[in-house]
Structure formats: C-alpha cells, structure tokens
Amino acid sequence: MSRSEEVTVERQRLQPPQIHFQKLEELMQRHAAALEADVRALQQTDETAQWSMAWKQRYNWHFANCFARQTVFRNWAADAMAWGLLPDRDYPNRGNHQPSSDVFQD
C-alpha cells in the first residue's frame, strides 16, 4: 500500500472534527448540568439562602476560589478568557466581597 493510500485509509477511520466537537459539547453539557444540580442540592441542604448577609456577600469569591483550584476548570476558563469567550465581570459588585480574614465570623 502506498503512503497516499495509507493516508486515505487513515482519514476514513478518523471522525470529522465537527463530529468530535459536537460530542465534546454534549459531554460538557451533560456534566455541567449534573455539576450544577449537585451544587444547587448542596446549597439547599446547607441552607445557604438562610446565611447572614456577610456570608452571602463573600459566597461568590469562595465559590470562584473552589472552582479555580481545580486545574482543569482553571485552565479551560483561562483559555476561554484568552479567546474573549467569557462575559466581562467586575468584582466586587452588588455587595460581593473578597474575604479579608475568617469570612464566616460576623
């Protein structure tokens, strides 16, 4: 078999990039939905809606910190940001604050 024939056979076995990215998006959507459901369930179990205003004001910082400590999320978010795919955010806003010390002491 010639080299060009080998390349042709190999291309026939490969998934087209469009199919790969469609599957990748479906995979990410499925896991994102499951992760969001788990987070919402944890919030409900821990009754975060009943937390003091001081705790709620620092929630987004802690949540983002937990997210960013996961290497895969941090790297993927950094890539998306570098490509300009994320919405602009300005923090602190609307009362959100980064904790200066032990946040959960009023």
PDB file of N, CA and C in Angstrom:
ATOM      1  N   MET A   1       0.859  -1.174   0.000  1.00  0.00           N
ATOM      2  CA  MET A   1       0.000   0.000   0.000  1.00  0.00           C
ATOM      3  C   MET A   1       0.902   1.232   0.000  1.00  0.00           C
ATOM      4  N   SER A   2       0.595   2.163  -0.871  1.00  0.00           N
ATOM      5  CA  SER A   2       1.395   3.379  -0.961  1.00  0.00           C
ATOM      6  C   SER A   2       1.078   4.301   0.216  1.00  0.00           C
ATOM      7  N   ARG A   3       1.937   5.270   0.409  1.00  0.00           N
ATOM      8  CA  ARG A   3       1.746   6.241   1.501  1.00  0.00           C
ATOM      9  C   ARG A   3       0.437   7.011   1.329  1.00  0.00           C
ATOM     10  N   SER A   4       0.107   7.416   0.115  1.00  0.00           N
ATOM     11  CA  SER A   4      -1.137   8.164  -0.103  1.00  0.00           C
ATOM     12  C   SER A   4      -2.354   7.283   0.173  1.00  0.00           C
ATOM     13  N   GLU A   5      -2.260   5.997  -0.137  1.00  0.00           N
ATOM     14  CA  GLU A   5      -3.354   5.073   0.174  1.00  0.00           C
ATOM     15  C   GLU A   5      -3.493   4.900   1.691  1.00  0.00           C
ATOM     16  N   GLU A   6      -2.361   4.840   2.398  1.00  0.00           N
ATOM     17  CA  GLU A   6      -2.396   4.729   3.860  1.00  0.00           C
ATOM     18  C   GLU A   6      -3.071   5.959   4.478  1.00  0.00           C
ATOM     19  N   VAL A   7      -2.741   7.136   3.971  1.00  0.00           N
ATOM     20  CA  VAL A   7      -3.334   8.375   4.464  1.00  0.00           C
ATOM     21  C   VAL A   7      -4.835   8.377   4.204  1.00  0.00           C
ATOM     22  N   THR A   8      -5.246   7.922   3.023  1.00  0.00           N
ATOM     23  CA  THR A   8      -6.666   7.860   2.679  1.00  0.00           C
ATOM     24  C   THR A   8      -7.408   6.928   3.630  1.00  0.00           C
ATOM     25  N   VAL A   9      -6.837   5.765   3.893  1.00  0.00           N
ATOM     26  CA  VAL A   9      -7.459   4.800   4.814  1.00  0.00           C
ATOM     27  C   VAL A   9      -7.546   5.399   6.209  1.00  0.00           C
ATOM     28  N   GLU A  10      -6.483   6.048   6.665  1.00  0.00           N
ATOM     29  CA  GLU A  10      -6.466   6.669   7.996  1.00  0.00           C
ATOM     30  C   GLU A  10      -7.535   7.754   8.100  1.00  0.00           C
ATOM     31  N   ARG A  11      -7.668   8.572   7.092  1.00  0.00           N
ATOM     32  CA  ARG A  11      -8.695   9.634   7.099  1.00  0.00           C
ATOM     33  C   ARG A  11     -10.096   9.052   7.163  1.00  0.00           C
ATOM     34  N   GLN A  12     -10.292   7.910   6.534  1.00  0.00           N
ATOM     35  CA  GLN A  12     -11.604   7.277   6.549  1.00  0.00           C
ATOM     36  C   GLN A  12     -11.962   6.783   7.949  1.00  0.00           C
ATOM     37  N   ARG A  13     -10.964   6.455   8.769  1.00  0.00           N
ATOM     38  CA  ARG A  13     -11.202   5.974  10.129  1.00  0.00           C
ATOM     39  C   ARG A  13     -11.401   7.121  11.122  1.00  0.00           C
ATOM     40  N   LEU A  14     -10.872   8.279  10.819  1.00  0.00           N
ATOM     41  CA  LEU A  14     -10.950   9.409  11.737  1.00  0.00           C
ATOM     42  C   LEU A  14     -12.329  10.049  11.709  1.00  0.00           C
ATOM     43  N   GLN A  15     -12.787  10.469  12.880  1.00  0.00           N
ATOM     44  CA  GLN A  15     -14.031  11.234  12.966  1.00  0.00           C
ATOM     45  C   GLN A  15     -13.764  12.636  12.414  1.00  0.00           C
ATOM     46  N   PRO A  16     -14.701  13.194  11.688  1.00  0.00           N
ATOM     47  CA  PRO A  16     -14.532  14.585  11.260  1.00  0.00           C
ATOM     48  C   PRO A  16     -14.504  15.486  12.497  1.00  0.00           C
ATOM     49  N   PRO A  17     -13.742  16.574  12.457  1.00  0.00           N
ATOM     50  CA  PRO A  17     -13.675  17.481  13.607  1.00  0.00           C
ATOM     51  C   PRO A  17     -15.048  17.960  14.079  1.00  0.00           C
ATOM     52  N   GLN A  18     -15.974  18.208  13.148  1.00  0.00           N
ATOM     53  CA  GLN A  18     -17.308  18.675  13.544  1.00  0.00           C
ATOM     54  C   GLN A  18     -17.998  17.662  14.460  1.00  0.00           C
ATOM     55  N   ILE A  19     -17.864  16.384  14.143  1.00  0.00           N
ATOM     56  CA  ILE A  19     -18.478  15.317  14.941  1.00  0.00           C
ATOM     57  C   ILE A  19     -17.816  15.274  16.321  1.00  0.00           C
ATOM     58  N   HIS A  20     -16.498  15.357  16.335  1.00  0.00           N
ATOM     59  CA  HIS A  20     -15.771  15.353  17.609  1.00  0.00           C
ATOM     60  C   HIS A  20     -16.242  16.493  18.503  1.00  0.00           C
ATOM     61  N   PHE A  21     -16.321  17.702  17.974  1.00  0.00           N
ATOM     62  CA  PHE A  21     -16.695  18.849  18.798  1.00  0.00           C
ATOM     63  C   PHE A  21     -18.167  18.811  19.188  1.00  0.00           C
ATOM     64  N   GLN A  22     -19.007  18.219  18.364  1.00  0.00           N
ATOM     65  CA  GLN A  22     -20.413  18.031  18.743  1.00  0.00           C
ATOM     66  C   GLN A  22     -20.486  17.089  19.948  1.00  0.00           C
ATOM     67  N   LYS A  23     -19.749  15.983  19.887  1.00  0.00           N
ATOM     68  CA  LYS A  23     -19.728  15.036  21.004  1.00  0.00           C
ATOM     69  C   LYS A  23     -19.122  15.684  22.254  1.00  0.00           C
ATOM     70  N   LEU A  24     -18.076  16.462  22.060  1.00  0.00           N
ATOM     71  CA  LEU A  24     -17.429  17.146  23.180  1.00  0.00           C
ATOM     72  C   LEU A  24     -18.392  18.113  23.854  1.00  0.00           C
ATOM     73  N   GLU A  25     -19.140  18.867  23.062  1.00  0.00           N
ATOM     74  CA  GLU A  25     -20.113  19.800  23.638  1.00  0.00           C
ATOM     75  C   GLU A  25     -21.215  19.057  24.386  1.00  0.00           C
ATOM     76  N   GLU A  26     -21.705  17.966  23.820  1.00  0.00           N
ATOM     77  CA  GLU A  26     -22.730  17.170  24.501  1.00  0.00           C
ATOM     78  C   GLU A  26     -22.206  16.636  25.830  1.00  0.00           C
ATOM     79  N   LEU A  27     -20.976  16.160  25.840  1.00  0.00           N
ATOM     80  CA  LEU A  27     -20.349  15.653  27.055  1.00  0.00           C
ATOM     81  C   LEU A  27     -20.250  16.745  28.113  1.00  0.00           C
ATOM     82  N   MET A  28     -19.777  17.918  27.717  1.00  0.00           N
ATOM     83  CA  MET A  28     -19.630  19.026  28.664  1.00  0.00           C
ATOM     84  C   MET A  28     -20.987  19.506  29.169  1.00  0.00           C
ATOM     85  N   GLN A  29     -21.972  19.578  28.295  1.00  0.00           N
ATOM     86  CA  GLN A  29     -23.313  19.999  28.726  1.00  0.00           C
ATOM     87  C   GLN A  29     -23.888  19.029  29.751  1.00  0.00           C
ATOM     88  N   ARG A  30     -23.707  17.748  29.504  1.00  0.00           N
ATOM     89  CA  ARG A  30     -24.232  16.731  30.424  1.00  0.00           C
ATOM     90  C   ARG A  30     -23.570  16.863  31.797  1.00  0.00           C
ATOM     91  N   HIS A  31     -22.269  16.989  31.816  1.00  0.00           N
ATOM     92  CA  HIS A  31     -21.558  17.098  33.090  1.00  0.00           C
ATOM     93  C   HIS A  31     -21.793  18.443  33.764  1.00  0.00           C
ATOM     94  N   ALA A  32     -21.926  19.500  32.988  1.00  0.00           N
ATOM     95  CA  ALA A  32     -22.224  20.816  33.570  1.00  0.00           C
ATOM     96  C   ALA A  32     -23.591  20.803  34.236  1.00  0.00           C
ATOM     97  N   ALA A  33     -24.565  20.188  33.596  1.00  0.00           N
ATOM     98  CA  ALA A  33     -25.912  20.107  34.182  1.00  0.00           C
ATOM     99  C   ALA A  33     -25.884  19.297  35.474  1.00  0.00           C
ATOM    100  N   ALA A  34     -25.146  18.198  35.481  1.00  0.00           N
ATOM    101  CA  ALA A  34     -25.046  17.368  36.683  1.00  0.00           C
ATOM    102  C   ALA A  34     -24.313  18.111  37.799  1.00  0.00           C
ATOM    103  N   LEU A  35     -23.239  18.806  37.452  1.00  0.00           N
ATOM    104  CA  LEU A  35     -22.494  19.572  38.457  1.00  0.00           C
ATOM    105  C   LEU A  35     -23.354  20.686  39.042  1.00  0.00           C
ATOM    106  N   GLU A  36     -24.077  21.399  38.175  1.00  0.00           N
ATOM    107  CA  GLU A  36     -24.953  22.459  38.670  1.00  0.00           C
ATOM    108  C   GLU A  36     -26.029  21.890  39.593  1.00  0.00           C
ATOM    109  N   ALA A  37     -26.596  20.765  39.231  1.00  0.00           N
ATOM    110  CA  ALA A  37     -27.622  20.134  40.078  1.00  0.00           C
ATOM    111  C   ALA A  37     -27.035  19.747  41.430  1.00  0.00           C
ATOM    112  N   ASP A  38     -25.824  19.212  41.436  1.00  0.00           N
ATOM    113  CA  ASP A  38     -25.172  18.844  42.700  1.00  0.00           C
ATOM    114  C   ASP A  38     -24.886  20.068  43.563  1.00  0.00           C
ATOM    115  N   VAL A  39     -24.426  21.148  42.933  1.00  0.00           N
ATOM    116  CA  VAL A  39     -24.150  22.385  43.679  1.00  0.00           C
ATOM    117  C   VAL A  39     -25.444  22.945  44.260  1.00  0.00           C
ATOM    118  N   ARG A  40     -26.506  22.986  43.453  1.00  0.00           N
ATOM    119  CA  ARG A  40     -27.793  23.501  43.940  1.00  0.00           C
ATOM    120  C   ARG A  40     -28.318  22.638  45.091  1.00  0.00           C
ATOM    121  N   ALA A  41     -28.157  21.326  44.984  1.00  0.00           N
ATOM    122  CA  ALA A  41     -28.601  20.430  46.054  1.00  0.00           C
ATOM    123  C   ALA A  41     -27.801  20.680  47.333  1.00  0.00           C
ATOM    124  N   LEU A  42     -26.497  20.887  47.202  1.00  0.00           N
ATOM    125  CA  LEU A  42     -25.670  21.187  48.370  1.00  0.00           C
ATOM    126  C   LEU A  42     -26.083  22.508  49.006  1.00  0.00           C
ATOM    127  N   GLN A  43     -26.340  23.512  48.176  1.00  0.00           N
ATOM    128  CA  GLN A  43     -26.792  24.803  48.696  1.00  0.00           C
ATOM    129  C   GLN A  43     -28.102  24.646  49.460  1.00  0.00           C
ATOM    130  N   GLN A  44     -28.985  23.833  48.915  1.00  0.00           N
ATOM    131  CA  GLN A  44     -30.270  23.613  49.588  1.00  0.00           C
ATOM    132  C   GLN A  44     -30.072  22.861  50.902  1.00  0.00           C
ATOM    133  N   THR A  45     -29.270  21.812  50.872  1.00  0.00           N
ATOM    134  CA  THR A  45     -29.001  21.025  52.076  1.00  0.00           C
ATOM    135  C   THR A  45     -28.378  21.883  53.165  1.00  0.00           C
ATOM    136  N   ASP A  46     -27.438  22.734  52.778  1.00  0.00           N
ATOM    137  CA  ASP A  46     -26.738  23.589  53.745  1.00  0.00           C
ATOM    138  C   ASP A  46     -27.484  24.890  54.033  1.00  0.00           C
ATOM    139  N   GLU A  47     -28.635  25.060  53.395  1.00  0.00           N
ATOM    140  CA  GLU A  47     -29.493  26.227  53.602  1.00  0.00           C
ATOM    141  C   GLU A  47     -28.732  27.546  53.461  1.00  0.00           C
ATOM    142  N   THR A  48     -27.986  27.659  52.372  1.00  0.00           N
ATOM    143  CA  THR A  48     -27.202  28.883  52.161  1.00  0.00           C
ATOM    144  C   THR A  48     -28.077  30.115  52.006  1.00  0.00           C
ATOM    145  N   ALA A  49     -29.330  29.918  51.601  1.00  0.00           N
ATOM    146  CA  ALA A  49     -30.249  31.062  51.488  1.00  0.00           C
ATOM    147  C   ALA A  49     -30.504  31.690  52.853  1.00  0.00           C
ATOM    148  N   GLN A  50     -30.303  30.923  53.920  1.00  0.00           N
ATOM    149  CA  GLN A  50     -30.531  31.428  55.277  1.00  0.00           C
ATOM    150  C   GLN A  50     -29.276  32.043  55.904  1.00  0.00           C
ATOM    151  N   TRP A  51     -28.158  32.003  55.184  1.00  0.00           N
ATOM    152  CA  TRP A  51     -26.912  32.545  55.730  1.00  0.00           C
ATOM    153  C   TRP A  51     -27.045  34.044  55.957  1.00  0.00           C
ATOM    154  N   SER A  52     -26.220  34.564  56.832  1.00  0.00           N
ATOM    155  CA  SER A  52     -26.206  36.002  57.092  1.00  0.00           C
ATOM    156  C   SER A  52     -25.757  36.753  55.843  1.00  0.00           C
ATOM    157  N   MET A  53     -26.093  38.022  55.774  1.00  0.00           N
ATOM    158  CA  MET A  53     -25.709  38.849  54.629  1.00  0.00           C
ATOM    159  C   MET A  53     -24.187  38.873  54.476  1.00  0.00           C
ATOM    160  N   ALA A  54     -23.462  38.926  55.560  1.00  0.00           N
ATOM    161  CA  ALA A  54     -21.993  38.949  55.491  1.00  0.00           C
ATOM    162  C   ALA A  54     -21.464  37.687  54.810  1.00  0.00           C
ATOM    163  N   TRP A  55     -22.044  36.531  55.129  1.00  0.00           N
ATOM    164  CA  TRP A  55     -21.605  35.295  54.498  1.00  0.00           C
ATOM    165  C   TRP A  55     -21.988  35.281  53.024  1.00  0.00           C
ATOM    166  N   LYS A  56     -23.201  35.707  52.725  1.00  0.00           N
ATOM    167  CA  LYS A  56     -23.657  35.727  51.328  1.00  0.00           C
ATOM    168  C   LYS A  56     -22.797  36.659  50.479  1.00  0.00           C
ATOM    169  N   GLN A  57     -22.361  37.780  51.047  1.00  0.00           N
ATOM    170  CA  GLN A  57     -21.567  38.743  50.288  1.00  0.00           C
ATOM    171  C   GLN A  57     -20.220  38.166  49.875  1.00  0.00           C
ATOM    172  N   ARG A  58     -19.754  37.176  50.562  1.00  0.00           N
ATOM    173  CA  ARG A  58     -18.456  36.577  50.252  1.00  0.00           C
ATOM    174  C   ARG A  58     -18.578  35.226  49.545  1.00  0.00           C
ATOM    175  N   TYR A  59     -19.792  34.783  49.337  1.00  0.00           N
ATOM    176  CA  TYR A  59     -20.034  33.467  48.741  1.00  0.00           C
ATOM    177  C   TYR A  59     -19.396  33.341  47.354  1.00  0.00           C
ATOM    178  N   ASN A  60     -19.608  34.323  46.479  1.00  0.00           N
ATOM    179  CA  ASN A  60     -19.096  34.222  45.107  1.00  0.00           C
ATOM    180  C   ASN A  60     -17.582  34.092  45.064  1.00  0.00           C
ATOM    181  N   TRP A  61     -16.887  34.792  45.978  1.00  0.00           N
ATOM    182  CA  TRP A  61     -15.424  34.681  46.000  1.00  0.00           C
ATOM    183  C   TRP A  61     -15.022  33.263  46.372  1.00  0.00           C
ATOM    184  N   HIS A  62     -15.638  32.720  47.413  1.00  0.00           N
ATOM    185  CA  HIS A  62     -15.308  31.358  47.832  1.00  0.00           C
ATOM    186  C   HIS A  62     -15.679  30.341  46.752  1.00  0.00           C
ATOM    187  N   PHE A  63     -16.834  30.536  46.130  1.00  0.00           N
ATOM    188  CA  PHE A  63     -17.264  29.627  45.068  1.00  0.00           C
ATOM    189  C   PHE A  63     -16.249  29.668  43.916  1.00  0.00           C
ATOM    190  N   ALA A  64     -15.876  30.862  43.483  1.00  0.00           N
ATOM    191  CA  ALA A  64     -14.908  31.008  42.389  1.00  0.00           C
ATOM    192  C   ALA A  64     -13.551  30.428  42.773  1.00  0.00           C
ATOM    193  N   ASN A  65     -13.178  30.581  44.035  1.00  0.00           N
ATOM    194  CA  ASN A  65     -11.913  30.037  44.509  1.00  0.00           C
ATOM    195  C   ASN A  65     -11.934  28.513  44.448  1.00  0.00           C
ATOM    196  N   CYS A  66     -13.032  27.888  44.878  1.00  0.00           N
ATOM    197  CA  CYS A  66     -13.164  26.421  44.774  1.00  0.00           C
ATOM    198  C   CYS A  66     -13.056  25.978  43.311  1.00  0.00           C
ATOM    199  N   PHE A  67     -13.707  26.707  42.439  1.00  0.00           N
ATOM    200  CA  PHE A  67     -13.690  26.410  41.002  1.00  0.00           C
ATOM    201  C   PHE A  67     -12.267  26.506  40.447  1.00  0.00           C
ATOM    202  N   ALA A  68     -11.589  27.606  40.763  1.00  0.00           N
ATOM    203  CA  ALA A  68     -10.261  27.865  40.194  1.00  0.00           C
ATOM    204  C   ALA A  68      -9.187  26.929  40.743  1.00  0.00           C
ATOM    205  N   ARG A  69      -9.421  26.348  41.894  1.00  0.00           N
ATOM    206  CA  ARG A  69      -8.437  25.399  42.447  1.00  0.00           C
ATOM    207  C   ARG A  69      -8.430  24.076  41.685  1.00  0.00           C
ATOM    208  N   GLN A  70      -9.462  23.831  40.900  1.00  0.00           N
ATOM    209  CA  GLN A  70      -9.493  22.616  40.075  1.00  0.00           C
ATOM    210  C   GLN A  70      -8.753  22.926  38.781  1.00  0.00           C
ATOM    211  N   THR A  71      -7.623  22.297  38.585  1.00  0.00           N
ATOM    212  CA  THR A  71      -6.733  22.624  37.467  1.00  0.00           C
ATOM    213  C   THR A  71      -7.453  22.635  36.126  1.00  0.00           C
ATOM    214  N   VAL A  72      -8.273  21.640  35.871  1.00  0.00           N
ATOM    215  CA  VAL A  72      -8.936  21.564  34.572  1.00  0.00           C
ATOM    216  C   VAL A  72      -9.867  22.761  34.368  1.00  0.00           C
ATOM    217  N   PHE A  73     -10.622  23.160  35.395  1.00  0.00           N
ATOM    218  CA  PHE A  73     -11.511  24.313  35.266  1.00  0.00           C
ATOM    219  C   PHE A  73     -10.709  25.597  35.087  1.00  0.00           C
ATOM    220  N   ARG A  74      -9.661  25.739  35.884  1.00  0.00           N
ATOM    221  CA  ARG A  74      -8.836  26.948  35.800  1.00  0.00           C
ATOM    222  C   ARG A  74      -8.236  27.090  34.399  1.00  0.00           C
ATOM    223  N   ASN A  75      -7.689  26.006  33.888  1.00  0.00           N
ATOM    224  CA  ASN A  75      -7.052  26.064  32.567  1.00  0.00           C
ATOM    225  C   ASN A  75      -8.065  26.320  31.455  1.00  0.00           C
ATOM    226  N   TRP A  76      -9.205  25.647  31.519  1.00  0.00           N
ATOM    227  CA  TRP A  76     -10.223  25.842  30.481  1.00  0.00           C
ATOM    228  C   TRP A  76     -10.810  27.240  30.554  1.00  0.00           C
ATOM    229  N   ALA A  77     -11.024  27.747  31.750  1.00  0.00           N
ATOM    230  CA  ALA A  77     -11.546  29.110  31.901  1.00  0.00           C
ATOM    231  C   ALA A  77     -10.527  30.129  31.391  1.00  0.00           C
ATOM    232  N   ALA A  78      -9.255  29.902  31.681  1.00  0.00           N
ATOM    233  CA  ALA A  78      -8.213  30.820  31.199  1.00  0.00           C
ATOM    234  C   ALA A  78      -8.164  30.823  29.672  1.00  0.00           C
ATOM    235  N   ASP A  79      -8.295  29.650  29.064  1.00  0.00           N
ATOM    236  CA  ASP A  79      -8.327  29.576  27.595  1.00  0.00           C
ATOM    237  C   ASP A  79      -9.529  30.346  27.048  1.00  0.00           C
ATOM    238  N   ALA A  80     -10.697  30.122  27.634  1.00  0.00           N
ATOM    239  CA  ALA A  80     -11.908  30.808  27.171  1.00  0.00           C
ATOM    240  C   ALA A  80     -11.765  32.315  27.333  1.00  0.00           C
ATOM    241  N   MET A  81     -11.174  32.741  28.442  1.00  0.00           N
ATOM    242  CA  MET A  81     -10.978  34.181  28.665  1.00  0.00           C
ATOM    243  C   MET A  81     -10.010  34.755  27.632  1.00  0.00           C
ATOM    244  N   ALA A  82      -8.922  34.028  27.364  1.00  0.00           N
ATOM    245  CA  ALA A  82      -7.930  34.498  26.393  1.00  0.00           C
ATOM    246  C   ALA A  82      -8.533  34.640  24.998  1.00  0.00           C
ATOM    247  N   TRP A  83      -9.493  33.791  24.669  1.00  0.00           N
ATOM    248  CA  TRP A  83     -10.161  33.867  23.376  1.00  0.00           C
ATOM    249  C   TRP A  83     -11.298  34.881  23.373  1.00  0.00           C
ATOM    250  N   GLY A  84     -11.556  35.528  24.508  1.00  0.00           N
ATOM    251  CA  GLY A  84     -12.626  36.520  24.590  1.00  0.00           C
ATOM    252  C   GLY A  84     -14.015  35.908  24.582  1.00  0.00           C
ATOM    253  N   LEU A  85     -14.132  34.681  25.079  1.00  0.00           N
ATOM    254  CA  LEU A  85     -15.405  33.968  25.047  1.00  0.00           C
ATOM    255  C   LEU A  85     -16.231  34.119  26.322  1.00  0.00           C
ATOM    256  N   LEU A  86     -15.685  34.772  27.329  1.00  0.00           N
ATOM    257  CA  LEU A  86     -16.396  34.929  28.601  1.00  0.00           C
ATOM    258  C   LEU A  86     -16.937  36.346  28.735  1.00  0.00           C
ATOM    259  N   PRO A  87     -18.079  36.483  29.413  1.00  0.00           N
ATOM    260  CA  PRO A  87     -18.604  37.836  29.651  1.00  0.00           C
ATOM    261  C   PRO A  87     -17.727  38.584  30.646  1.00  0.00           C
ATOM    262  N   ASP A  88     -17.702  39.897  30.537  1.00  0.00           N
ATOM    263  CA  ASP A  88     -16.950  40.708  31.491  1.00  0.00           C
ATOM    264  C   ASP A  88     -17.615  40.653  32.852  1.00  0.00           C
ATOM    265  N   ARG A  89     -16.806  40.614  33.875  1.00  0.00           N
ATOM    266  CA  ARG A  89     -17.296  40.645  35.248  1.00  0.00           C
ATOM    267  C   ARG A  89     -16.431  41.632  36.021  1.00  0.00           C
ATOM    268  N   ASP A  90     -17.067  42.384  36.873  1.00  0.00           N
ATOM    269  CA  ASP A  90     -16.352  43.290  37.767  1.00  0.00           C
ATOM    270  C   ASP A  90     -16.705  42.915  39.193  1.00  0.00           C
ATOM    271  N   TYR A  91     -15.709  42.496  39.942  1.00  0.00           N
ATOM    272  CA  TYR A  91     -15.934  42.154  41.351  1.00  0.00           C
ATOM    273  C   TYR A  91     -15.015  42.998  42.192  1.00  0.00           C
ATOM    274  N   PRO A  92     -15.381  43.344  43.400  1.00  0.00           N
ATOM    275  CA  PRO A  92     -16.690  43.049  43.977  1.00  0.00           C
ATOM    276  C   PRO A  92     -17.765  43.939  43.375  1.00  0.00           C
ATOM    277  N   ASN A  93     -18.954  43.404  43.275  1.00  0.00           N
ATOM    278  CA  ASN A  93     -20.104  44.181  42.815  1.00  0.00           C
ATOM    279  C   ASN A  93     -21.329  43.803  43.620  1.00  0.00           C
ATOM    280  N   ARG A  94     -22.318  44.619  43.600  1.00  0.00           N
ATOM    281  CA  ARG A  94     -23.593  44.367  44.279  1.00  0.00           C
ATOM    282  C   ARG A  94     -23.417  43.746  45.661  1.00  0.00           C
ATOM    283  N   GLY A  95     -22.439  44.219  46.380  1.00  0.00           N
ATOM    284  CA  GLY A  95     -22.273  43.749  47.747  1.00  0.00           C
ATOM    285  C   GLY A  95     -21.391  42.537  47.913  1.00  0.00           C
ATOM    286  N   ASN A  96     -20.862  41.967  46.829  1.00  0.00           N
ATOM    287  CA  ASN A  96     -19.954  40.827  46.967  1.00  0.00           C
ATOM    288  C   ASN A  96     -18.587  41.324  47.412  1.00  0.00           C
ATOM    289  N   HIS A  97     -17.928  40.551  48.252  1.00  0.00           N
ATOM    290  CA  HIS A  97     -16.624  40.951  48.771  1.00  0.00           C
ATOM    291  C   HIS A  97     -15.681  39.766  48.835  1.00  0.00           C
ATOM    292  N   GLN A  98     -14.406  40.058  48.644  1.00  0.00           N
ATOM    293  CA  GLN A  98     -13.378  39.066  48.900  1.00  0.00           C
ATOM    294  C   GLN A  98     -13.116  39.090  50.400  1.00  0.00           C
ATOM    295  N   PRO A  99     -13.020  37.921  51.025  1.00  0.00           N
ATOM    296  CA  PRO A  99     -12.795  37.922  52.466  1.00  0.00           C
ATOM    297  C   PRO A  99     -11.418  38.471  52.811  1.00  0.00           C
ATOM    298  N   SER A 100     -11.362  39.241  53.888  1.00  0.00           N
ATOM    299  CA  SER A 100     -10.085  39.779  54.328  1.00  0.00           C
ATOM    300  C   SER A 100      -9.465  38.892  55.404  1.00  0.00           C
ATOM    301  N   SER A 101     -10.270  38.105  56.085  1.00  0.00           N
ATOM    302  CA  SER A 101      -9.777  37.161  57.093  1.00  0.00           C
ATOM    303  C   SER A 101     -10.757  36.017  57.180  1.00  0.00           C
ATOM    304  N   ASP A 102     -11.064  35.584  58.391  1.00  0.00           N
ATOM    305  CA  ASP A 102     -12.007  34.486  58.550  1.00  0.00           C
ATOM    306  C   ASP A 102     -13.405  34.986  58.214  1.00  0.00           C
ATOM    307  N   VAL A 103     -13.848  34.695  57.002  1.00  0.00           N
ATOM    308  CA  VAL A 103     -15.079  35.241  56.454  1.00  0.00           C
ATOM    309  C   VAL A 103     -16.315  34.841  57.235  1.00  0.00           C
ATOM    310  N   PHE A 104     -16.315  33.673  57.814  1.00  0.00           N
ATOM    311  CA  PHE A 104     -17.545  33.168  58.411  1.00  0.00           C
ATOM    312  C   PHE A 104     -17.654  33.487  59.892  1.00  0.00           C
ATOM    313  N   GLN A 105     -17.101  34.610  60.267  1.00  0.00           N
ATOM    314  CA  GLN A 105     -17.293  35.130  61.619  1.00  0.00           C
ATOM    315  C   GLN A 105     -17.885  36.507  61.486  1.00  0.00           C
ATOM    316  N   ASP A 106     -19.076  36.699  62.009  1.00  0.00           N
ATOM    317  CA  ASP A 106     -19.741  38.013  61.923  1.00  0.00           C
ATOM    318  C   ASP A 106     -19.240  38.935  62.995  1.00  0.00           C
TER     319      ASP A 106
END
